[in-house]
Protein backbone atom coordinates (compact mmCIF):
# COMPACT_ATOMS: atom_id res chain seq x y z
CA MET A 1 111.01 98.82 66.26
CA ILE A 2 112.60 96.18 68.48
CA ALA A 3 116.04 97.66 67.79
CA LYS A 4 114.83 101.11 68.88
CA ILE A 5 113.35 99.75 72.10
CA PHE A 6 116.54 97.81 72.82
CA ALA A 7 118.71 100.88 72.21
CA LYS A 8 116.47 103.06 74.38
CA TYR A 9 116.43 100.76 77.39
CA GLN A 10 119.75 98.97 76.98
CA SER A 11 121.32 100.80 79.90
CA ILE A 12 118.45 99.88 82.26
CA GLY A 13 118.55 96.26 81.14
CA LEU A 14 122.31 95.95 81.55
CA ILE A 15 122.42 97.57 84.99
CA THR A 16 119.40 95.58 86.13
CA LEU A 17 121.04 92.37 84.92
CA SER A 18 124.16 93.16 86.94
CA LEU A 19 122.06 93.87 90.02
CA LEU A 20 120.22 90.61 89.41
CA VAL A 21 123.54 88.78 89.42
CA GLY A 22 124.42 90.51 92.69
CA ALA A 23 121.03 89.61 94.16
CA ILE A 24 121.43 85.98 93.10
CA ILE A 25 124.84 85.90 94.79
CA THR A 26 123.29 87.34 97.96
CA PHE A 27 120.27 85.01 97.89
CA ILE A 28 122.41 81.93 97.40
CA ALA A 29 124.56 83.01 100.33
CA LEU A 30 121.72 84.10 102.63
CA PRO A 31 120.66 80.62 103.86
CA VAL A 32 124.33 79.89 104.62
CA LEU A 33 124.84 83.23 106.37
CA THR A 34 121.80 82.68 108.62
CA ARG A 35 123.49 79.48 109.78
CA LEU A 36 127.01 80.91 110.12
CA TYR A 37 125.87 83.93 112.15
CA SER A 38 123.32 84.18 114.97
CA VAL A 39 120.10 86.20 115.08
CA ALA A 40 121.85 88.57 117.50
CA ASP A 41 124.66 88.99 114.93
CA PHE A 42 122.12 90.05 112.33
CA GLY A 43 120.59 92.44 114.87
CA ALA A 44 123.93 94.17 115.47
CA TYR A 45 124.60 94.13 111.73
CA GLY A 46 121.21 95.77 111.18
CA ILE A 47 122.17 98.60 113.55
CA ALA A 48 125.46 99.13 111.70
CA LEU A 49 123.77 99.16 108.30
CA ALA A 50 121.09 101.56 109.56
CA ILE A 51 123.72 104.06 110.74
CA VAL A 52 125.78 103.62 107.58
CA SER A 53 122.70 104.12 105.43
CA ILE A 54 121.84 107.41 107.13
CA LEU A 55 125.35 108.82 107.05
CA SER A 56 126.11 107.62 103.50
CA THR A 57 123.24 109.66 102.08
CA VAL A 58 124.69 112.93 103.36
CA ALA A 59 128.41 112.31 103.89
CA ASN A 60 129.37 113.78 100.52
CA LEU A 61 126.56 116.38 100.63
CA ARG A 62 124.82 114.62 97.70
CA LEU A 63 127.56 115.65 95.29
CA ASP A 64 127.37 112.10 93.90
CA GLN A 65 123.84 112.90 92.70
CA ALA A 66 125.05 116.19 91.26
CA LEU A 67 127.40 114.18 89.03
CA LEU A 68 124.37 112.96 87.06
CA VAL A 69 123.50 116.49 85.91
CA ALA A 70 126.86 118.26 86.27
CA ASP A 71 128.77 119.97 83.47
CA GLU A 72 131.65 117.88 82.20
CA GLN A 73 134.33 120.25 83.50
CA ASP A 74 132.97 119.99 87.06
CA LYS A 75 132.72 116.22 87.44
CA LYS A 76 136.25 115.34 88.55
CA SER A 77 136.23 118.23 90.99
CA LEU A 78 132.96 116.99 92.46
CA ILE A 79 134.48 113.53 92.99
CA PHE A 80 137.40 115.06 94.90
CA GLU A 81 135.25 117.42 96.97
CA GLY A 82 132.75 114.67 97.77
CA ALA A 83 135.56 112.33 98.87
CA VAL A 84 136.97 114.95 101.23
CA PHE A 85 133.57 115.62 102.80
CA SER A 86 132.92 111.87 103.11
CA THR A 87 136.27 111.17 104.77
CA ALA A 88 135.73 113.93 107.32
CA ILE A 89 132.24 112.73 108.24
CA ALA A 90 133.36 109.09 108.36
CA VAL A 91 136.16 109.91 110.80
CA ILE A 92 133.97 112.09 113.00
CA SER A 93 131.17 109.51 113.05
CA GLY A 94 133.66 106.78 113.98
CA ILE A 95 134.94 108.77 116.95
CA VAL A 96 131.42 109.56 118.19
CA ILE A 97 130.14 105.98 117.80
CA SER A 98 133.20 104.52 119.55
CA ALA A 99 132.32 106.66 122.57
CA ILE A 100 128.59 105.78 122.49
CA LEU A 101 128.65 102.10 121.40
CA ASN A 102 131.92 100.26 120.80
CA VAL A 103 135.04 100.28 118.64
CA GLU A 104 133.84 97.42 116.38
CA MET A 105 130.67 99.28 115.48
CA ALA A 106 132.60 102.53 115.01
CA GLY A 107 135.04 100.93 112.58
CA ALA A 108 132.27 99.27 110.57
CA VAL A 109 130.31 102.51 110.29
CA ALA A 110 133.31 104.66 109.32
CA THR A 111 134.58 102.31 106.62
CA GLY A 112 131.05 101.53 105.43
CA VAL A 113 130.23 105.20 104.93
CA LEU A 114 133.46 105.91 103.06
CA ALA A 115 133.13 102.81 100.87
CA ASN A 116 129.53 103.59 99.96
CA THR A 117 130.15 107.21 99.03
CA LEU A 118 133.31 106.51 97.01
CA ILE A 119 131.62 103.71 95.06
CA GLN A 120 128.49 105.80 94.43
CA SER A 121 130.52 108.76 93.17
CA LEU A 122 132.51 106.56 90.80
CA TYR A 123 129.33 104.80 89.69
CA ASN A 124 127.46 108.04 88.93
CA TYR A 125 130.47 109.53 87.15
CA GLN A 126 130.61 106.55 84.80
CA PHE A 127 126.82 106.33 84.47
CA SER A 128 126.61 109.98 83.43
CA ALA A 129 129.14 109.16 80.69
CA HIS A 130 126.96 106.20 79.55
CA GLN A 131 129.57 103.66 80.68
CA GLU A 132 126.93 101.10 81.64
CA TYR A 133 129.24 98.09 81.31
CA PHE A 134 131.58 99.56 83.91
CA CYS A 135 128.64 100.30 86.23
CA ALA A 136 127.35 96.76 85.81
CA GLY A 137 130.76 95.37 86.72
CA LEU A 138 130.96 97.63 89.77
CA ASN A 139 127.58 96.38 91.00
CA ILE A 140 128.68 92.75 90.74
CA PHE A 141 132.06 93.54 92.33
CA ARG A 142 130.40 95.16 95.35
CA SER A 143 128.02 92.24 95.98
CA ALA A 144 130.70 89.61 95.40
CA ILE A 145 133.18 91.21 97.82
CA VAL A 146 130.65 91.55 100.66
CA VAL A 147 129.36 87.98 100.30
CA ALA A 148 132.82 86.44 99.79
CA VAL A 149 134.16 88.04 102.96
CA GLN A 150 131.08 87.18 105.03
CA LEU A 151 131.23 83.55 103.92
CA SER A 152 134.97 82.96 104.07
CA LEU A 153 136.13 84.64 107.29
CA PRO A 154 134.06 82.46 109.70
CA LEU A 155 135.78 79.42 108.18
CA VAL A 156 139.24 80.57 109.33
CA MET A 157 138.48 82.63 112.43
CA GLN A 158 135.78 83.54 114.92
CA ILE A 159 134.35 86.82 113.69
CA SER A 160 131.12 88.78 114.00
CA LEU A 161 129.02 89.89 111.05
CA VAL A 162 129.82 93.53 111.89
CA ASN A 163 133.57 92.90 111.68
CA SER A 164 133.29 90.96 108.41
CA TYR A 165 131.37 93.94 106.98
CA ASN A 166 134.23 96.18 108.13
CA VAL A 167 136.78 94.03 106.27
CA SER A 168 134.75 94.04 103.04
CA SER A 169 134.40 97.84 103.24
CA VAL A 170 138.17 98.31 103.60
CA ILE A 171 138.77 96.12 100.54
CA MET A 172 136.32 98.20 98.48
CA ILE A 173 137.84 101.51 99.65
CA VAL A 174 141.33 100.41 98.60
CA ALA A 175 140.11 99.13 95.22
CA VAL A 176 138.19 102.34 94.38
CA LEU A 177 141.04 104.63 95.47
CA ILE A 178 143.51 102.70 93.31
CA TYR A 179 141.18 103.08 90.32
CA LEU A 180 140.60 106.82 90.91
CA LEU A 181 144.33 107.47 91.25
CA LYS A 182 145.32 105.28 88.30
CA TYR A 183 142.91 106.96 85.87
CA GLN A 184 143.14 110.41 87.52
CA LEU A 185 139.37 110.72 88.00
CA TYR A 186 139.74 113.62 90.39
CA GLN A 187 140.74 117.25 90.32
CA VAL A 188 141.78 119.19 93.39
CA SER A 189 139.33 122.06 93.64
CA TRP A 190 137.01 123.89 96.02
CA GLN A 191 134.91 125.69 93.45
CA ALA A 192 132.73 123.13 91.66
CA PHE A 193 130.34 122.34 94.53
CA LYS A 194 129.32 126.01 94.69
CA HIS A 195 127.42 125.55 91.41
CA TYR A 196 125.33 122.72 92.89
CA LYS A 197 124.25 124.20 96.19
CA ASP A 198 120.66 123.05 95.67
CA PHE A 199 121.90 119.47 96.10
CA ILE A 200 123.56 120.49 99.37
CA TYR A 201 120.79 122.65 100.82
CA ALA A 202 117.67 120.89 99.45
CA ASN A 203 118.58 117.37 98.34
CA THR A 204 120.85 116.64 101.32
CA PRO A 205 118.25 117.44 104.05
CA HIS A 206 115.68 115.40 102.14
CA ALA A 207 118.07 112.45 101.79
CA LEU A 208 118.99 112.66 105.48
CA LEU A 209 115.36 112.70 106.56
CA ASN A 210 114.50 109.91 104.12
CA SER A 211 117.30 107.72 105.40
CA PHE A 212 116.49 108.47 109.05
CA SER A 213 112.83 107.67 108.44
CA HIS A 214 113.73 104.47 106.62
CA ASN A 215 116.01 103.29 109.43
CA LEU A 216 113.84 104.50 112.32
CA PRO A 217 112.20 101.04 112.68
CA TYR A 218 115.60 99.58 113.62
CA TYR A 219 115.77 101.85 116.66
CA VAL A 220 112.10 101.32 117.53
CA VAL A 221 112.36 97.53 117.32
CA SER A 222 115.63 97.40 119.29
CA HIS A 223 114.22 99.60 122.08
CA PHE A 224 110.65 98.32 122.38
CA VAL A 225 110.90 94.71 121.16
CA GLY A 226 114.51 93.55 121.44
CA VAL A 227 117.69 92.83 119.49
CA GLN A 228 116.45 89.40 118.40
CA ALA A 229 113.34 90.92 116.80
CA MET A 230 115.62 93.41 115.08
CA GLY A 231 117.48 90.47 113.55
CA PHE A 232 114.16 89.34 112.04
CA TYR A 233 113.46 92.84 110.78
CA ALA A 234 116.96 93.14 109.28
CA ILE A 235 116.58 89.94 107.24
CA VAL A 236 113.06 90.84 106.04
CA GLU A 237 114.04 94.40 105.16
CA ARG A 238 117.09 93.16 103.29
CA THR A 239 114.96 90.67 101.32
CA LEU A 240 112.16 93.11 100.44
CA ARG A 241 114.69 95.63 99.21
CA VAL A 242 116.08 93.23 96.62
CA PRO A 243 113.60 94.19 93.84
CA ILE A 244 114.03 97.85 94.81
CA ASN A 245 117.81 97.61 94.55
CA LEU A 246 117.49 95.60 91.34
CA ILE A 247 115.26 97.97 89.41
CA SER A 248 114.13 101.05 91.31
CA GLN A 249 117.54 102.57 92.06
CA THR A 250 118.64 102.00 88.46
CA LEU A 251 115.47 103.63 87.18
CA ARG A 252 115.97 106.66 89.41
CA GLN A 253 119.46 107.28 88.04
CA PHE A 254 118.26 106.66 84.49
CA PHE A 255 115.34 109.07 84.82
CA ILE A 256 117.39 111.78 86.54
CA ARG A 257 119.66 111.73 83.51
CA LYS A 258 116.69 111.56 81.13
CA PHE A 259 114.57 114.29 82.75
CA LYS A 260 117.41 116.77 83.06
CA ASP A 261 115.93 118.87 80.22
CA ALA A 262 112.32 117.62 80.27
CA ASP A 263 109.45 120.12 80.08
CA SER A 264 106.59 117.76 81.03
CA SER A 265 106.18 115.19 83.80
CA GLN A 266 103.84 112.95 81.81
CA ASN A 267 106.47 110.30 81.13
CA ALA A 268 107.41 110.18 84.81
CA LEU A 269 103.76 109.79 85.77
CA LYS A 270 103.17 106.98 83.25
CA ALA A 271 106.30 105.11 84.34
CA SER A 272 105.33 105.29 88.03
CA VAL A 273 101.80 104.03 87.38
CA LEU A 274 103.12 101.20 85.22
CA LEU A 275 105.61 100.19 87.90
CA SER A 276 102.87 100.13 90.56
CA LEU A 277 100.61 97.86 88.48
CA VAL A 278 103.34 95.47 87.35
CA SER A 279 104.97 95.07 90.77
CA LEU A 280 101.88 94.67 92.99
CA PRO A 281 101.46 90.91 92.34
CA LEU A 282 105.13 90.34 93.22
CA PHE A 283 104.86 92.00 96.62
CA ALA A 284 101.43 90.42 97.26
CA LEU A 285 103.04 86.96 97.12
CA VAL A 286 104.20 87.30 100.74
CA PHE A 287 100.59 87.08 101.91
CA VAL A 288 100.10 83.58 100.43
CA LEU A 289 103.50 81.95 100.94
CA PRO A 290 103.48 79.48 103.88
CA GLU A 291 105.67 79.88 106.95
CA SER A 292 107.30 76.53 106.15
CA LEU A 293 108.81 77.98 102.97
CA TYR A 294 110.45 80.81 104.92
CA LEU A 295 111.84 78.34 107.46
CA TRP A 296 113.20 76.17 104.66
CA VAL A 297 115.02 79.18 103.19
CA PHE A 298 116.26 80.91 106.35
CA GLY A 299 116.48 78.04 108.84
CA SER A 300 114.38 76.68 111.71
CA GLU A 301 115.66 79.41 114.07
CA TRP A 302 113.55 82.01 112.24
CA VAL A 303 110.05 80.95 113.37
CA GLY A 304 107.52 83.78 112.89
CA ILE A 305 109.40 85.57 110.12
CA SER A 306 106.37 85.41 107.77
CA SER A 307 104.55 87.95 109.98
CA TYR A 308 107.30 90.51 109.38
CA PHE A 309 107.05 90.02 105.62
CA GLN A 310 103.27 90.49 105.68
CA ILE A 311 103.49 93.62 107.84
CA LEU A 312 106.09 95.37 105.67
CA ALA A 313 105.43 94.22 102.09
CA LEU A 314 103.05 96.93 100.86
CA GLY A 315 105.27 99.71 102.16
CA TYR A 316 108.18 98.46 100.05
CA TRP A 317 105.85 98.11 97.09
CA ALA A 318 105.16 101.86 97.42
CA ILE A 319 108.93 102.55 97.43
CA PHE A 320 109.33 100.44 94.31
CA CYS A 321 106.87 102.65 92.38
CA ASN A 322 108.53 105.92 93.38
CA PRO A 323 111.74 106.39 91.27
CA PRO A 324 110.40 107.96 88.03
CA SER A 325 108.41 110.61 89.92
CA SER A 326 111.09 111.46 92.48
CA ALA A 327 113.73 111.46 89.74
CA PHE A 328 111.72 114.04 87.80
CA LEU A 329 111.63 116.38 90.81
CA ILE A 330 115.36 115.92 91.47
CA ALA A 331 116.29 116.45 87.80
CA GLN A 332 114.19 119.62 87.76
CA ARG A 333 116.10 120.84 90.85
CA ASN A 334 112.88 120.72 92.90
CA SER A 335 114.02 118.59 95.83
CA GLN A 336 112.39 120.92 98.35
CA VAL A 337 109.06 119.25 97.54
CA LEU A 338 110.50 115.88 98.55
CA PHE A 339 111.89 117.44 101.72
CA LYS A 340 108.50 118.83 102.77
CA LEU A 341 106.71 115.56 102.09
CA GLN A 342 109.40 113.67 103.99
CA ILE A 343 108.77 115.82 107.08
CA VAL A 344 105.06 114.97 106.94
CA GLU A 345 105.85 111.27 106.43
CA LEU A 346 108.14 111.25 109.45
CA MET A 347 105.51 112.94 111.61
CA ILE A 348 102.95 110.32 110.54
CA LYS A 349 105.37 107.53 111.34
CA PHE A 350 106.12 108.89 114.82
CA ALA A 351 102.41 109.33 115.56
CA LEU A 352 101.57 105.82 114.37
CA PHE A 353 104.43 104.27 116.34
CA ALA A 354 103.10 105.92 119.49
CA GLY A 355 99.50 104.96 118.73
CA PHE A 356 100.29 101.33 117.90
CA TYR A 357 102.47 101.06 121.01
CA ALA A 358 99.44 101.97 123.11
CA VAL A 359 97.00 99.73 121.20
CA PHE A 360 98.91 96.47 120.58
CA VAL A 361 100.10 94.09 123.26
CA ASP A 362 102.52 92.50 120.79
CA LYS A 363 104.85 95.42 120.07
CA VAL A 364 105.97 93.89 116.76
CA TYR A 365 102.78 95.34 115.29
CA MET A 366 104.19 98.82 115.86
CA LEU A 367 105.88 98.12 112.50
CA LEU A 368 102.50 98.63 110.79
CA ALA A 369 103.40 102.32 110.98
CA VAL A 370 106.08 101.70 108.33
CA PRO A 371 103.89 100.64 105.37
CA VAL A 372 101.19 103.23 106.16
CA ALA A 373 103.70 106.09 106.21
CA LEU A 374 105.56 104.82 103.13
CA ILE A 375 102.37 104.50 101.10
CA PHE A 376 101.40 108.08 102.00
CA TYR A 377 104.83 109.50 101.15
CA ASN A 378 105.39 107.74 97.84
CA PHE A 379 101.91 108.29 96.49
CA ALA A 380 101.98 111.92 97.65
CA ILE A 381 105.00 112.35 95.34
CA LEU A 382 102.99 110.76 92.53
CA TYR A 383 100.15 113.21 93.21
CA VAL A 384 102.53 116.20 93.03
CA VAL A 385 103.86 115.00 89.68
CA TRP A 386 100.31 114.43 88.43
CA ARG A 387 99.31 118.00 89.35
CA ASN A 388 102.28 119.30 87.36
CA LYS A 389 101.87 117.05 84.32
CA ASN A 390 101.35 120.00 82.00
């Protein structure tokens, strides 16, 4: 019995363990980083990551997700086609951002987008082939490179957090390209993506909206509160996403692969409910932890950071519960449902931002719109899966 359970969930355990190692590396480094770089640095870094996050979800037209369900003969072609699309969008975005913001931000965004999409394509290609050990190593490699660069460069030169991110992205791009070329994990073609147009026309708009909605608070905070407050938000958001990055993203990929040929959504429903019950105490901890603990971890410069954790925690709990249900819809090629719900979620978020701006004197409380909208969106997905359980 134990052997069967181990065999069934070995891939999840291994990937989660690798993400845990990456998270430990990041957490160990975080108190040092908050002392090496200023709050304003983290604010600018937050803007860069927000833009990269939005563009990375659509730069390769979601062909990286298609790799999880693609026929074997199409996979190498999808890697090539996705890389070409990603390169084009990265270059165009860099040119536009250099005109709007500055060259440093443009470089960080362009290399960040290309690095993210190349790594995700390689990761999903190997994950679809059940090469979990490779995927685990790639997760650790990515975290180690980012942290190593961010920690080491300030010791030898004066550099911003945005520029150190740019350097780490370039290193990852070179490493992935060398691997793809060495093992010939590509095939020059312009035919494969035509068989996965639902990922382009349904999954891509949903991913774009989802990423825009997720990163909208960065723009709201920077405009209505200030860059320093955005530095607080960036640290809190990065911390709350750790359990999501550790488990939720791995589960989504696992369940997309698992539900590819599923007839019933009952397993997805059960997994989502179980995740919500198990994870609630973890996210509820932020409401009882004292401010002094946060200051001990992040430094005395971060007074008031506990309020940000308390405002945002339940919204990220809702995200954590989502992967099995959303994975079922994606695997069943039903992403249009996610797209429609995302539109509603975004409308709710805009309305709440406007309402809270009018009601609260302290504009930080505009961020209450985030957990309310996220809870609606993620549990609406759960409701859709529940209605289709038979």
